N, C-alpha and C. Protein backbone atom coordinates (compact mmCIF):
# COMPACT_ATOMS: atom_id res chain seq x y z
N UNK A 1 -7.69 -16.78 -38.03
CA UNK A 1 -7.33 -15.74 -38.65
C UNK A 1 -6.91 -14.75 -37.35
N UNK A 2 -5.81 -14.53 -37.26
CA UNK A 2 -6.28 -13.73 -35.62
C UNK A 2 -6.71 -10.93 -36.33
N UNK A 3 -7.53 -11.05 -35.73
CA UNK A 3 -6.86 -10.04 -36.04
C UNK A 3 -6.75 -8.90 -35.44
N UNK A 4 -6.99 -7.54 -35.62
CA UNK A 4 -6.48 -6.55 -34.95
C UNK A 4 -5.38 -5.69 -35.22
N UNK A 5 -5.09 -5.07 -34.89
CA UNK A 5 -4.66 -4.69 -33.26
C UNK A 5 -6.30 -3.51 -32.39
N UNK A 6 -6.32 -4.17 -31.33
CA UNK A 6 -8.01 -4.09 -30.45
C UNK A 6 -7.21 -2.53 -29.85
N UNK A 7 -7.42 -1.65 -29.87
CA UNK A 7 -7.09 -0.22 -29.23
C UNK A 7 -8.32 -0.32 -28.48
N UNK A 8 -7.96 0.64 -26.53
CA UNK A 8 -9.49 1.24 -25.85
C UNK A 8 -9.58 2.36 -26.47
N UNK A 9 -10.45 3.11 -26.40
CA UNK A 9 -10.77 4.59 -26.09
C UNK A 9 -10.64 5.52 -24.95
N UNK A 10 -10.77 4.30 -23.86
CA UNK A 10 -9.61 5.31 -22.34
C UNK A 10 -9.95 3.95 -21.73
N UNK A 11 -9.74 4.67 -20.26
CA UNK A 11 -9.82 3.70 -19.17
C UNK A 11 -10.44 4.20 -18.25
N UNK A 12 -10.70 3.46 -17.48
CA UNK A 12 -11.50 3.94 -16.31
C UNK A 12 -10.42 3.43 -15.34
N UNK A 13 -10.97 4.56 -13.89
CA UNK A 13 -9.48 3.61 -13.06
C UNK A 13 -9.94 4.22 -11.88
N UNK A 14 -10.39 3.06 -10.81
CA UNK A 14 -11.32 2.95 -9.58
C UNK A 14 -10.23 2.72 -8.70
N UNK A 15 -10.09 3.93 -7.31
CA UNK A 15 -9.60 3.57 -6.26
C UNK A 15 -9.73 2.51 -5.47
N UNK A 16 -10.30 1.98 -4.23
CA UNK A 16 -10.39 1.41 -3.06
C UNK A 16 -9.18 1.71 -2.17
N UNK A 17 -9.42 2.12 -0.73
CA UNK A 17 -8.52 2.85 0.35
C UNK A 17 -8.05 2.35 1.12
N UNK A 18 -7.25 2.32 1.38
CA UNK A 18 -6.69 1.07 2.26
C UNK A 18 -6.83 0.85 3.30
N UNK A 19 -7.62 1.83 4.14
CA UNK A 19 -8.00 2.11 5.43
C UNK A 19 -9.74 2.22 4.65
N UNK A 20 -10.33 0.92 5.56
CA UNK A 20 -11.96 0.92 4.99
C UNK A 20 -12.52 -0.20 6.10
N UNK A 21 -13.46 0.06 6.82
CA UNK A 21 -14.25 1.19 7.16
C UNK A 21 -12.42 2.76 7.44
N UNK A 22 -13.57 3.66 7.00
CA UNK A 22 -12.67 4.95 6.73
C UNK A 22 -12.26 5.63 5.98
N UNK A 23 -12.21 4.88 4.91
CA UNK A 23 -11.66 5.01 3.66
C UNK A 23 -10.63 6.32 3.06
N UNK A 24 -9.91 6.35 3.66
CA UNK A 24 -8.64 7.06 3.25
C UNK A 24 -7.12 6.00 3.73
N UNK A 25 -6.27 6.13 2.87
CA UNK A 25 -4.97 5.57 2.52
C UNK A 25 -3.96 6.74 3.33
N UNK A 26 -3.24 5.92 4.17
CA UNK A 26 -2.02 6.56 5.09
C UNK A 26 -1.09 6.05 3.87
N UNK A 27 0.01 7.97 3.98
CA UNK A 27 1.06 7.89 3.03
C UNK A 27 1.70 7.27 3.33
N UNK A 28 2.46 5.76 2.16
CA UNK A 28 3.30 4.78 2.30
C UNK A 28 3.11 3.76 2.15
N UNK A 29 1.59 4.13 2.16
CA UNK A 29 0.90 2.47 2.13
C UNK A 29 0.49 2.62 0.76
N UNK A 30 -0.59 0.90 0.43
CA UNK A 30 -0.67 0.76 -0.74
C UNK A 30 -1.93 1.13 -0.86
N UNK A 31 -2.74 1.51 -2.26
CA UNK A 31 -4.19 1.40 -2.11
C UNK A 31 -4.47 0.70 -2.71
N UNK A 32 -5.83 0.32 -3.81
CA UNK A 32 -6.16 -0.23 -4.46
C UNK A 32 -6.41 0.11 -5.71
N UNK A 33 -6.01 -0.26 -6.64
CA UNK A 33 -6.11 0.43 -8.46
C UNK A 33 -6.82 -0.56 -8.85
N UNK A 34 -7.80 -0.25 -9.63
CA UNK A 34 -8.57 -1.38 -10.51
C UNK A 34 -7.94 -0.31 -12.13
N UNK A 35 -7.68 -0.79 -12.80
CA UNK A 35 -8.05 -0.19 -14.07
C UNK A 35 -8.84 -0.70 -15.42
N UNK A 36 -9.50 -0.35 -15.99
CA UNK A 36 -10.21 -1.04 -17.07
C UNK A 36 -10.32 -0.14 -18.35
N UNK A 37 -10.42 -1.18 -19.02
CA UNK A 37 -10.40 -0.38 -20.97
C UNK A 37 -11.39 -0.43 -20.92
N UNK A 38 -12.12 0.50 -21.86
CA UNK A 38 -13.20 0.97 -22.21
C UNK A 38 -13.50 1.16 -24.15
N UNK A 39 -15.17 0.91 -24.78
CA UNK A 39 -14.74 1.81 -25.89
C UNK A 39 -15.24 2.59 -25.98
N UNK A 40 -15.68 3.65 -27.09
CA UNK A 40 -16.57 4.28 -27.14
C UNK A 40 -17.45 4.85 -26.93
N UNK A 41 -18.30 3.30 -26.69
CA UNK A 41 -20.05 3.78 -27.10
C UNK A 41 -20.37 5.24 -26.28
N UNK A 42 -21.86 5.23 -26.53
CA UNK A 42 -22.18 6.14 -25.21
C UNK A 42 -22.26 5.95 -24.14
N UNK A 43 -22.78 3.94 -23.98
CA UNK A 43 -22.95 3.58 -22.32
C UNK A 43 -21.67 2.66 -22.77
N UNK A 44 -20.38 3.41 -22.36
CA UNK A 44 -19.22 2.73 -22.72
C UNK A 44 -19.37 1.17 -21.99
N UNK A 45 -18.81 0.10 -23.14
CA UNK A 45 -18.81 -1.26 -21.68
C UNK A 45 -16.65 -1.24 -22.10
N UNK A 46 -17.08 -2.75 -21.76
CA UNK A 46 -14.90 -3.09 -21.19
C UNK A 46 -14.24 -4.03 -23.11
N UNK A 47 -13.51 -3.29 -22.69
CA UNK A 47 -12.19 -3.41 -24.61
C UNK A 47 -12.08 -5.09 -24.16
N UNK A 48 -13.07 -6.31 -24.08
CA UNK A 48 -12.23 -7.51 -23.84
C UNK A 48 -10.97 -7.92 -24.36
N UNK A 49 -10.85 -7.96 -25.65
CA UNK A 49 -9.63 -7.75 -26.19
C UNK A 49 -8.11 -7.14 -25.61
N UNK A 50 -8.40 -6.51 -24.63
CA UNK A 50 -7.85 -5.46 -23.69
C UNK A 50 -6.84 -6.40 -22.73
N UNK A 51 -6.00 -7.52 -23.23
CA UNK A 51 -5.46 -8.95 -22.78
C UNK A 51 -3.95 -9.25 -22.72
N UNK A 52 -3.35 -9.45 -21.72
CA UNK A 52 -2.18 -10.19 -22.36
C UNK A 52 -1.83 -11.39 -21.20
N UNK A 53 -2.78 -11.44 -21.02
CA UNK A 53 -2.59 -13.45 -20.06
C UNK A 53 -2.26 -14.33 -21.62
N UNK A 54 -2.52 -15.67 -20.91
CA UNK A 54 -2.28 -16.55 -22.06
C UNK A 54 -3.27 -16.92 -22.23
N UNK A 55 -5.45 -16.55 -21.91
CA UNK A 55 -6.23 -16.70 -22.72
C UNK A 55 -6.10 -16.02 -23.90
N UNK A 56 -5.09 -15.23 -24.12
CA UNK A 56 -5.91 -14.63 -26.15
C UNK A 56 -3.80 -14.57 -26.53
N UNK A 57 -4.29 -14.85 -27.35
CA UNK A 57 -3.34 -14.39 -28.10
C UNK A 57 -3.52 -14.65 -30.28
N UNK A 58 -2.79 -13.34 -30.50
CA UNK A 58 -2.01 -12.40 -29.97
C UNK A 58 -2.18 -11.45 -28.51
N UNK A 59 -1.58 -10.92 -27.88
CA UNK A 59 -1.78 -10.99 -26.84
C UNK A 59 -1.69 -8.98 -27.26
N UNK A 60 -3.34 -7.87 -26.91
CA UNK A 60 -3.37 -7.08 -27.29
C UNK A 60 -2.96 -5.61 -26.13
N UNK A 61 -3.00 -5.98 -24.76
CA UNK A 61 -2.44 -5.08 -23.44
C UNK A 61 -1.65 -4.07 -24.12
N UNK A 62 -1.21 -3.49 -23.54
CA UNK A 62 0.31 -2.69 -23.38
C UNK A 62 0.50 -3.10 -21.44
N UNK A 63 1.81 -2.12 -21.57
CA UNK A 63 1.78 -1.59 -20.52
C UNK A 63 1.23 -0.53 -19.93
N UNK A 64 1.10 0.03 -19.10
CA UNK A 64 0.53 1.04 -18.34
C UNK A 64 1.09 1.31 -17.15
N UNK A 65 0.88 2.76 -16.89
CA UNK A 65 1.71 3.69 -16.34
C UNK A 65 0.61 4.29 -15.54
N UNK A 66 0.62 4.16 -13.86
CA UNK A 66 -0.15 4.97 -13.02
C UNK A 66 0.40 6.56 -12.40
N UNK A 67 0.01 7.92 -12.79
CA UNK A 67 0.78 8.86 -12.20
C UNK A 67 -0.46 9.92 -11.67
N UNK A 68 0.81 10.47 -10.92
CA UNK A 68 -0.15 12.05 -9.72
C UNK A 68 -1.40 13.02 -11.08
N UNK A 69 -2.00 12.76 -11.06
CA UNK A 69 -2.80 13.57 -11.89
C UNK A 69 -2.86 15.12 -12.07
N UNK A 70 -2.05 15.06 -10.88
CA UNK A 70 -2.65 16.81 -10.13
C UNK A 70 -1.31 17.09 -9.84
N UNK A 71 -0.30 16.44 -10.27
CA UNK A 71 1.13 17.12 -9.58
C UNK A 71 1.06 17.64 -8.55
N UNK A 72 0.87 17.15 -7.50
CA UNK A 72 0.67 17.17 -6.14
C UNK A 72 1.97 17.87 -6.13
N UNK A 73 3.16 16.97 -6.12
CA UNK A 73 4.51 17.36 -6.04
C UNK A 73 4.69 17.55 -4.17
N UNK A 74 4.53 16.84 -3.55
CA UNK A 74 4.88 16.23 -2.23
C UNK A 74 4.88 15.53 -1.88
N UNK A 75 5.58 14.10 -2.51
CA UNK A 75 6.34 12.82 -2.76
C UNK A 75 6.41 12.29 -3.75
N UNK A 76 6.54 11.48 -3.28
CA UNK A 76 6.62 9.79 -4.56
C UNK A 76 5.73 8.83 -5.49
N UNK A 77 6.05 8.99 -5.87
CA UNK A 77 4.77 7.93 -6.09
C UNK A 77 5.52 6.56 -6.72
N UNK A 78 5.20 5.68 -6.46
CA UNK A 78 6.01 3.63 -6.54
C UNK A 78 5.05 2.67 -6.77
N UNK A 79 5.41 1.49 -7.61
CA UNK A 79 4.98 0.06 -7.72
C UNK A 79 3.59 1.06 -8.57
N UNK A 80 4.48 1.90 -9.50
CA UNK A 80 3.06 2.14 -10.61
C UNK A 80 2.86 1.73 -12.20
N UNK A 81 3.94 0.10 -11.99
CA UNK A 81 3.34 0.64 -13.37
C UNK A 81 2.88 -1.07 -13.47
N UNK A 82 1.91 -1.73 -14.75
CA UNK A 82 1.20 -2.57 -14.74
C UNK A 82 1.19 -3.28 -16.13
N UNK A 83 1.84 -4.11 -15.76
CA UNK A 83 2.10 -5.09 -16.95
C UNK A 83 1.40 -5.07 -17.67
N UNK A 84 1.92 -5.26 -19.38
CA UNK A 84 0.19 -5.73 -19.94
C UNK A 84 0.12 -7.09 -19.73
N UNK A 85 1.04 -8.16 -19.39
CA UNK A 85 -0.12 -9.60 -18.77
C UNK A 85 -0.69 -9.92 -17.90
N UNK A 86 -0.78 -8.26 -17.09
CA UNK A 86 -2.12 -7.95 -16.07
C UNK A 86 -3.65 -8.28 -16.05
N UNK A 87 -3.55 -8.20 -17.73
CA UNK A 87 -4.47 -7.46 -18.10
C UNK A 87 -5.01 -8.69 -18.24
N UNK A 88 -6.71 -8.67 -18.46
CA UNK A 88 -7.64 -10.21 -18.06
C UNK A 88 -8.30 -8.99 -18.83
N UNK A 89 -8.97 -9.82 -19.92
CA UNK A 89 -10.62 -9.11 -20.52
C UNK A 89 -10.55 -7.70 -20.29
N UNK A 90 -9.67 -6.88 -20.58
CA UNK A 90 -9.16 -5.46 -20.32
C UNK A 90 -9.91 -5.30 -18.32
N UNK A 91 -9.37 -5.99 -17.47
CA UNK A 91 -8.90 -5.30 -15.96
C UNK A 91 -7.89 -5.67 -15.89
N UNK A 92 -7.30 -4.78 -14.55
CA UNK A 92 -5.69 -5.41 -14.01
C UNK A 92 -6.53 -4.40 -12.89
N UNK A 93 -5.28 -5.12 -12.38
CA UNK A 93 -5.18 -4.00 -10.56
C UNK A 93 -3.96 -4.17 -10.48
N UNK A 94 -3.78 -3.02 -9.73
CA UNK A 94 -2.05 -2.65 -8.62
C UNK A 94 -1.81 -1.87 -7.48
N UNK A 95 -1.68 -1.42 -7.07
CA UNK A 95 -1.33 -1.63 -5.66
C UNK A 95 -0.27 -0.66 -5.76
N UNK A 96 -0.01 0.61 -5.91
CA UNK A 96 0.13 1.50 -6.07
C UNK A 96 0.66 2.75 -4.50
N UNK A 97 1.47 2.56 -4.14
CA UNK A 97 2.78 3.47 -3.37
C UNK A 97 2.39 5.04 -3.20
N UNK A 98 1.91 5.59 -2.19
CA UNK A 98 2.53 7.33 -2.78
C UNK A 98 3.24 7.57 -1.37
N UNK A 99 4.15 8.43 -1.44
CA UNK A 99 4.97 8.44 0.60
C UNK A 99 5.48 9.63 0.16
N UNK A 100 4.64 11.10 1.22
CA UNK A 100 5.21 12.01 1.93
C UNK A 100 6.45 12.10 1.72
N UNK A 101 7.29 13.25 1.09
CA UNK A 101 8.75 13.65 1.32
C UNK A 101 8.95 14.04 2.65
N UNK A 102 7.95 14.75 3.21
CA UNK A 102 8.25 15.40 4.16
C UNK A 102 6.96 15.17 5.64
N UNK A 103 7.30 14.23 6.96
CA UNK A 103 6.33 13.60 7.34
C UNK A 103 4.86 14.71 7.45
N UNK A 104 5.51 15.86 8.37
CA UNK A 104 4.39 17.13 8.78
C UNK A 104 3.67 17.16 7.47
N UNK A 105 2.62 16.44 6.31
CA UNK A 105 2.22 17.26 5.04
C UNK A 105 0.81 16.90 5.03
N UNK A 106 -0.07 17.90 5.17
CA UNK A 106 -1.30 18.01 5.57
C UNK A 106 -2.43 16.80 4.32
N UNK A 107 -3.20 16.10 4.53
CA UNK A 107 -3.93 15.11 3.64
C UNK A 107 -4.32 15.68 2.37
N UNK A 108 -3.90 15.30 1.77
CA UNK A 108 -4.25 15.12 0.25
C UNK A 108 -5.11 14.36 -0.75
N UNK A 109 -5.34 14.27 -1.62
CA UNK A 109 -6.25 13.57 -2.68
C UNK A 109 -5.81 13.02 -4.20
N UNK A 110 -4.96 11.87 -3.66
CA UNK A 110 -3.79 12.07 -5.60
C UNK A 110 -5.15 10.79 -6.50
N UNK A 111 -4.91 12.22 -7.29
CA UNK A 111 -6.44 11.98 -8.32
C UNK A 111 -4.80 10.95 -9.44
N UNK A 112 -6.06 9.31 -9.38
CA UNK A 112 -5.02 8.56 -10.25
C UNK A 112 -5.33 8.59 -12.05
N UNK A 113 -3.53 8.39 -12.77
CA UNK A 113 -4.50 8.41 -14.45
C UNK A 113 -3.34 7.24 -15.10
N UNK A 114 -4.57 6.77 -15.46
CA UNK A 114 -3.76 5.97 -16.55
C UNK A 114 -3.56 5.57 -17.61
N UNK A 115 -2.02 5.53 -18.27
CA UNK A 115 -2.11 5.83 -19.93
C UNK A 115 -1.17 5.02 -20.25
N UNK A 116 -1.78 3.66 -21.69
CA UNK A 116 -0.87 3.03 -21.53
C UNK A 116 0.60 3.34 -22.65
N UNK A 117 1.63 2.38 -23.25
CA UNK A 117 2.64 2.42 -24.09
C UNK A 117 1.99 3.08 -25.90
N UNK A 118 0.56 3.29 -25.97
CA UNK A 118 0.43 3.67 -27.53
C UNK A 118 -0.78 5.20 -27.05
N UNK A 119 -0.24 5.23 -25.68
CA UNK A 119 -0.66 6.87 -24.76
C UNK A 119 -2.78 6.67 -24.61
N UNK A 120 -3.09 5.81 -24.57
CA UNK A 120 -4.58 5.82 -24.64
C UNK A 120 -4.24 5.60 -22.93
N UNK A 121 -5.20 7.08 -22.84
CA UNK A 121 -5.55 7.66 -21.33
C UNK A 121 -7.16 7.43 -20.52
N UNK A 122 -6.91 7.59 -19.25
CA UNK A 122 -7.64 8.07 -18.21
C UNK A 122 -8.17 9.38 -18.44
N UNK A 123 -7.53 10.26 -18.84
CA UNK A 123 -7.58 11.56 -18.45
C UNK A 123 -9.08 11.97 -19.39
N UNK A 124 -9.56 12.69 -18.61
CA UNK A 124 -11.79 12.89 -19.05
C UNK A 124 -12.30 12.30 -18.44
N UNK A 125 -11.51 10.71 -18.16
CA UNK A 125 -12.57 9.57 -18.15
C UNK A 125 -12.83 9.19 -16.05
N UNK A 126 -13.02 8.34 -15.77
CA UNK A 126 -12.82 8.39 -14.19
C UNK A 126 -11.41 7.60 -13.82
N UNK A 127 -11.34 8.73 -12.60
CA UNK A 127 -10.15 8.75 -12.25
C UNK A 127 -10.34 8.95 -10.35
N UNK A 128 -9.79 7.86 -9.93
CA UNK A 128 -10.55 7.97 -8.67
C UNK A 128 -9.45 8.10 -7.44
N UNK A 129 -9.57 9.03 -6.95
CA UNK A 129 -8.30 9.54 -5.60
C UNK A 129 -8.45 9.18 -4.33
N UNK A 130 -6.45 8.81 -4.40
CA UNK A 130 -6.94 8.19 -3.28
C UNK A 130 -6.29 9.29 -1.89
N UNK A 131 -7.09 9.21 -1.03
CA UNK A 131 -7.49 10.22 0.56
C UNK A 131 -6.28 9.89 1.37
N UNK A 132 -5.41 10.53 0.72
CA UNK A 132 -3.57 10.24 1.72
C UNK A 132 -3.91 11.11 2.95
N UNK A 133 -3.39 10.11 3.59
CA UNK A 133 -3.25 10.98 5.43
C UNK A 133 -1.42 10.73 6.04
N UNK A 134 -1.24 11.76 5.82
CA UNK A 134 0.38 10.85 7.40
C UNK A 134 0.26 10.60 8.66
N UNK A 135 0.44 9.32 8.73
CA UNK A 135 -0.06 9.12 10.75
C UNK A 135 1.63 8.65 10.68
N UNK A 136 0.90 8.81 12.00
CA UNK A 136 2.16 7.72 13.66
C UNK A 136 1.38 7.29 14.42
N UNK A 137 1.94 6.59 15.20
CA UNK A 137 1.51 6.10 16.81
C UNK A 137 2.10 6.77 17.98
N UNK A 138 1.47 7.08 18.96
CA UNK A 138 1.84 7.69 19.98
C UNK A 138 1.51 7.07 21.52
N UNK A 139 2.60 6.47 21.68
CA UNK A 139 2.52 5.97 23.12
C UNK A 139 2.60 6.98 24.04
N UNK A 140 1.06 6.91 25.51
CA UNK A 140 1.54 7.34 26.02
C UNK A 140 2.04 6.79 27.67
N UNK A 141 2.27 7.26 28.81
CA UNK A 141 2.86 6.86 29.94
C UNK A 141 1.95 5.91 30.57
N UNK A 142 2.20 4.97 30.58
CA UNK A 142 1.50 4.21 31.91
C UNK A 142 2.51 3.50 33.10
N UNK A 143 1.57 3.62 33.80
CA UNK A 143 2.52 2.69 35.66
C UNK A 143 1.12 1.92 36.12
N UNK A 144 1.97 0.45 36.42
CA UNK A 144 1.17 -0.48 37.00
C UNK A 144 2.98 -1.35 37.95
N UNK A 145 1.72 -2.76 38.27
CA UNK A 145 2.66 -3.18 39.59
C UNK A 145 3.72 -4.29 38.77
N UNK A 146 5.21 -4.81 39.46
CA UNK A 146 5.76 -5.08 38.15
C UNK A 146 6.02 -6.97 38.49
N UNK A 147 4.73 -7.63 39.68
CA UNK A 147 4.01 -8.69 38.35
C UNK A 147 2.65 -9.04 37.99
N UNK A 148 2.31 -7.98 37.29
CA UNK A 148 1.12 -7.71 37.13
C UNK A 148 1.12 -7.88 35.20
N UNK A 149 0.28 -7.94 33.28
CA UNK A 149 0.77 -7.20 33.07
C UNK A 149 0.36 -5.75 33.11
N UNK A 150 1.17 -5.17 32.21
CA UNK A 150 0.95 -3.36 32.07
C UNK A 150 0.03 -2.59 30.50
N UNK A 151 -0.87 -1.80 30.75
CA UNK A 151 -1.74 -1.94 29.19
C UNK A 151 -1.60 -0.17 29.16
N UNK A 152 -0.31 0.06 27.91
CA UNK A 152 -0.71 1.19 27.54
C UNK A 152 -0.98 1.75 26.68
N UNK A 153 -1.39 2.85 26.35
CA UNK A 153 -2.49 3.21 25.25
C UNK A 153 -1.90 3.89 24.43
N UNK A 154 -2.33 3.57 23.51
CA UNK A 154 -0.83 3.39 22.49
C UNK A 154 -2.71 4.34 21.29
N UNK A 155 -2.52 5.47 20.24
CA UNK A 155 -3.03 6.07 19.59
C UNK A 155 -2.46 6.34 18.37
N UNK A 156 -3.12 6.72 17.78
CA UNK A 156 -2.73 6.53 16.08
C UNK A 156 -3.08 7.71 15.67
N UNK A 157 -2.24 8.57 14.76
CA UNK A 157 -2.55 9.96 14.61
C UNK A 157 -2.78 11.01 13.45
N UNK A 158 -2.98 11.63 12.95
CA UNK A 158 -2.75 11.95 11.42
C UNK A 158 -1.81 13.92 11.89
N UNK A 159 -1.49 14.38 10.79
CA UNK A 159 -0.98 15.65 10.68
C UNK A 159 -2.16 16.47 10.35
N UNK A 160 -2.93 17.13 10.16
CA UNK A 160 -3.70 18.02 9.96
C UNK A 160 -3.49 19.43 8.96
N UNK A 161 -2.23 19.49 8.99
CA UNK A 161 -1.50 20.25 8.47
C UNK A 161 -1.01 21.83 9.41
N UNK A 162 -2.08 21.55 10.95
CA UNK A 162 -1.38 22.12 11.65
C UNK A 162 -0.48 21.45 12.96
N UNK A 163 -1.30 20.64 12.99
CA UNK A 163 -1.28 19.25 14.58
C UNK A 163 -1.67 18.05 14.02
N UNK A 164 -0.62 17.69 15.13
CA UNK A 164 -1.24 16.05 15.11
C UNK A 164 -3.21 15.68 15.51
N UNK A 165 -4.05 14.48 14.98
CA UNK A 165 -5.20 14.76 15.75
C UNK A 165 -5.22 13.44 15.48
N UNK A 166 -6.04 13.03 16.81
CA UNK A 166 -6.84 11.81 16.90
C UNK A 166 -7.50 11.05 15.59
N UNK A 167 -6.61 10.27 15.23
CA UNK A 167 -7.34 9.58 14.13
C UNK A 167 -8.43 8.27 14.31
N UNK A 168 -9.65 9.61 14.87
CA UNK A 168 -11.08 8.59 14.51
C UNK A 168 -11.13 7.95 13.87
N UNK A 169 -11.25 7.54 12.75
CA UNK A 169 -11.25 6.89 11.37
C UNK A 169 -11.01 6.06 10.94
N UNK A 170 -9.54 5.72 12.28
CA UNK A 170 -8.60 4.52 11.93
C UNK A 170 -8.80 3.65 12.63
N UNK A 171 -9.26 2.55 12.13
CA UNK A 171 -9.61 1.12 12.47
C UNK A 171 -8.86 -0.24 11.76
N UNK A 172 -8.37 0.14 11.34
CA UNK A 172 -7.85 -0.69 9.95
C UNK A 172 -6.20 -1.42 10.48
N UNK A 173 -5.48 -0.72 11.57
CA UNK A 173 -4.27 -0.91 12.07
C UNK A 173 -4.02 -1.99 12.51
N UNK A 174 -3.04 -3.41 12.44
CA UNK A 174 -3.71 -4.25 13.62
C UNK A 174 -2.11 -4.29 13.54
N UNK A 175 -1.60 -4.57 14.92
CA UNK A 175 0.26 -4.52 14.45
C UNK A 175 0.72 -6.14 15.82
N UNK A 176 1.31 -6.56 14.87
CA UNK A 176 2.18 -8.07 15.46
C UNK A 176 2.71 -7.66 17.25
N UNK A 177 2.81 -8.77 18.01
CA UNK A 177 3.03 -8.38 19.49
C UNK A 177 4.83 -7.96 18.59
N UNK A 178 5.31 -8.63 18.51
CA UNK A 178 6.77 -8.48 17.98
C UNK A 178 7.33 -6.80 17.38
N UNK A 179 6.21 -6.21 17.42
CA UNK A 179 6.18 -4.59 16.63
C UNK A 179 6.81 -4.26 17.94
N UNK A 180 6.57 -4.02 19.15
CA UNK A 180 6.75 -4.08 20.38
C UNK A 180 8.13 -4.52 20.78
N UNK A 181 9.29 -3.46 21.09
CA UNK A 181 10.56 -3.73 21.90
C UNK A 181 10.46 -2.82 22.61
N UNK A 182 11.76 -3.70 23.47
CA UNK A 182 11.77 -2.50 24.84
C UNK A 182 13.36 -2.30 24.49
N UNK A 183 13.53 -0.98 25.02
CA UNK A 183 14.99 -0.48 25.20
C UNK A 183 15.13 0.65 26.20
N UNK A 184 16.16 -0.38 26.54
CA UNK A 184 17.06 1.11 28.01
C UNK A 184 15.93 0.67 28.82
N UNK A 185 16.15 -0.96 29.42
CA UNK A 185 14.80 -0.75 30.93
C UNK A 185 15.84 -0.24 32.11
N UNK A 186 15.10 0.32 32.52
CA UNK A 186 15.68 0.85 34.09
C UNK A 186 14.67 0.46 35.10
N UNK A 187 15.65 -0.20 36.33
CA UNK A 187 15.31 -0.38 37.93
C UNK A 187 13.87 0.77 38.13
N UNK A 188 13.09 0.34 39.66
CA UNK A 188 12.79 1.18 40.28
C UNK A 188 13.51 2.59 40.62
N UNK A 189 14.42 2.18 40.87
CA UNK A 189 16.31 3.67 41.18
C UNK A 189 15.83 4.03 40.39
N UNK A 190 16.50 3.89 38.98
CA UNK A 190 16.15 4.26 37.82
C UNK A 190 18.14 3.99 37.20
N UNK A 191 18.47 3.12 37.52
CA UNK A 191 19.27 2.58 37.59
C UNK A 191 19.03 1.26 36.19
N UNK A 192 20.12 0.59 35.32
CA UNK A 192 19.73 0.06 33.97
C UNK A 192 19.45 -0.95 34.89
N UNK A 193 18.57 -1.98 33.89
CA UNK A 193 18.27 -2.94 34.75
C UNK A 193 18.15 -4.66 33.87
N UNK A 194 18.25 -5.24 34.14
CA UNK A 194 18.31 -6.52 32.94
C UNK A 194 17.01 -7.22 32.99
N UNK A 195 16.35 -6.35 33.60
CA UNK A 195 15.13 -7.39 32.85
C UNK A 195 14.41 -6.57 31.81
N UNK A 196 13.63 -7.82 31.13
CA UNK A 196 13.09 -7.77 29.78
C UNK A 196 11.22 -7.99 29.73
N UNK A 197 10.67 -7.37 29.21
CA UNK A 197 9.50 -7.47 28.25
C UNK A 197 8.57 -7.46 27.05
N UNK A 198 8.31 -8.07 26.45
CA UNK A 198 7.58 -7.99 25.81
C UNK A 198 6.14 -7.47 25.10
N UNK A 199 5.05 -7.15 24.19
CA UNK A 199 3.79 -7.17 24.37
C UNK A 199 3.15 -9.06 24.26
N UNK A 200 2.15 -8.95 24.67
CA UNK A 200 2.14 -10.25 24.88
C UNK A 200 0.82 -10.72 24.15
N UNK A 201 0.50 -9.67 23.22
CA UNK A 201 -0.59 -9.86 22.29
C UNK A 201 -0.66 -9.15 21.13
N UNK A 202 -1.79 -9.50 20.06
CA UNK A 202 -0.94 -8.22 18.67
C UNK A 202 -1.59 -6.93 19.20
N UNK A 203 -1.57 -5.72 18.91
CA UNK A 203 -2.01 -3.97 19.59
C UNK A 203 -3.44 -3.93 18.06
N UNK A 204 -4.42 -3.60 17.93
CA UNK A 204 -5.35 -3.19 17.22
C UNK A 204 -6.02 -2.50 17.86
N UNK A 205 -5.63 -1.96 16.55
CA UNK A 205 -6.40 0.35 17.00
C UNK A 205 -7.68 -0.17 16.30
N UNK A 206 -8.77 0.96 17.38
CA UNK A 206 -10.28 0.88 17.16
C UNK A 206 -10.67 1.90 16.72
N UNK A 207 -10.36 2.42 16.11
CA UNK A 207 -11.29 4.74 16.43
C UNK A 207 -10.34 5.19 16.43
N UNK A 208 -8.91 4.89 16.11
CA UNK A 208 -7.65 5.67 16.51
C UNK A 208 -7.57 5.31 17.45
N UNK A 209 -7.28 4.34 18.69
CA UNK A 209 -7.12 4.57 19.94
C UNK A 209 -7.11 2.86 19.94
N UNK A 210 -5.91 1.93 20.89
CA UNK A 210 -6.09 0.33 21.32
C UNK A 210 -4.91 0.57 22.66
N UNK A 211 -4.43 -1.07 22.31
CA UNK A 211 -3.87 -1.02 23.74
C UNK A 211 -2.31 -1.55 24.23
N UNK A 212 -1.00 -1.40 23.99
CA UNK A 212 -0.27 -2.64 23.70
C UNK A 212 0.13 -2.99 25.38
N UNK A 213 -0.37 -3.83 25.27
CA UNK A 213 -0.03 -5.07 26.69
C UNK A 213 0.98 -6.03 26.83
N UNK A 214 2.09 -4.80 27.65
CA UNK A 214 3.18 -5.71 27.87
C UNK A 214 3.32 -6.75 29.14
N UNK A 215 3.57 -7.70 28.84
CA UNK A 215 3.98 -9.35 29.25
C UNK A 215 4.41 -8.66 31.11
N UNK A 216 4.69 -9.44 32.31
CA UNK A 216 5.61 -9.04 33.62
C UNK A 216 6.74 -9.17 33.15
N UNK A 217 7.86 -8.31 33.99
CA UNK A 217 8.78 -8.02 33.43
C UNK A 217 9.86 -9.20 34.05
N UNK A 218 10.89 -9.35 33.04
CA UNK A 218 11.53 -10.86 33.85
C UNK A 218 13.14 -10.56 33.91
N UNK A 219 13.61 -10.57 34.78
CA UNK A 219 13.15 -10.74 36.55
C UNK A 219 12.46 -9.43 36.97
N UNK A 220 11.67 -9.47 37.94
CA UNK A 220 11.38 -8.15 38.30
C UNK A 220 11.84 -7.86 39.39
N UNK A 221 12.72 -6.49 38.78
CA UNK A 221 13.33 -5.77 39.10
C UNK A 221 12.71 -4.08 38.95
């Protein structure tokens, strides 16, 4: 015989930064969030019956919404709904995205709050913080022979609040070779050229720095 409804006492929210090592998440990048339903004991345990999967019938989990607990007011939070069916034995995961409205936004701490349709909440309990940075990539000038591949320095930067700084903690960015596209190629005289080139390998950023390696242009003019 089914008994219940099982109602958890609260939620605990744990955040995993998108960039590890580095312990930060770029604005617009999904962060990892784990929400756990807890009981009200002195040493709270997991409310295993808060389950929306096929393993439990009837289902006791509810729709959970993730929100900006501190009301930062500098962007929007998306992908922040966790379906009841995502909970298994009291635990569910999500990948919310916080996007800054303005690119030039200083680093912020997004405290993530969970609340379900029965108003069970993580407020005053464990609420993880997403360490947000506004990032960009910057290409430097490079010169070389038209008969050899060309290595172009590339840096990952973040807005500090007053200027763009090297993101020395950034070692989590990898771009496929197809991310680099030549635009408006010019020959050595400065005239428009039919020569084309492309990245010859993926771009890997380590400690904020990397190289964009361009193949030999064809035709070599």
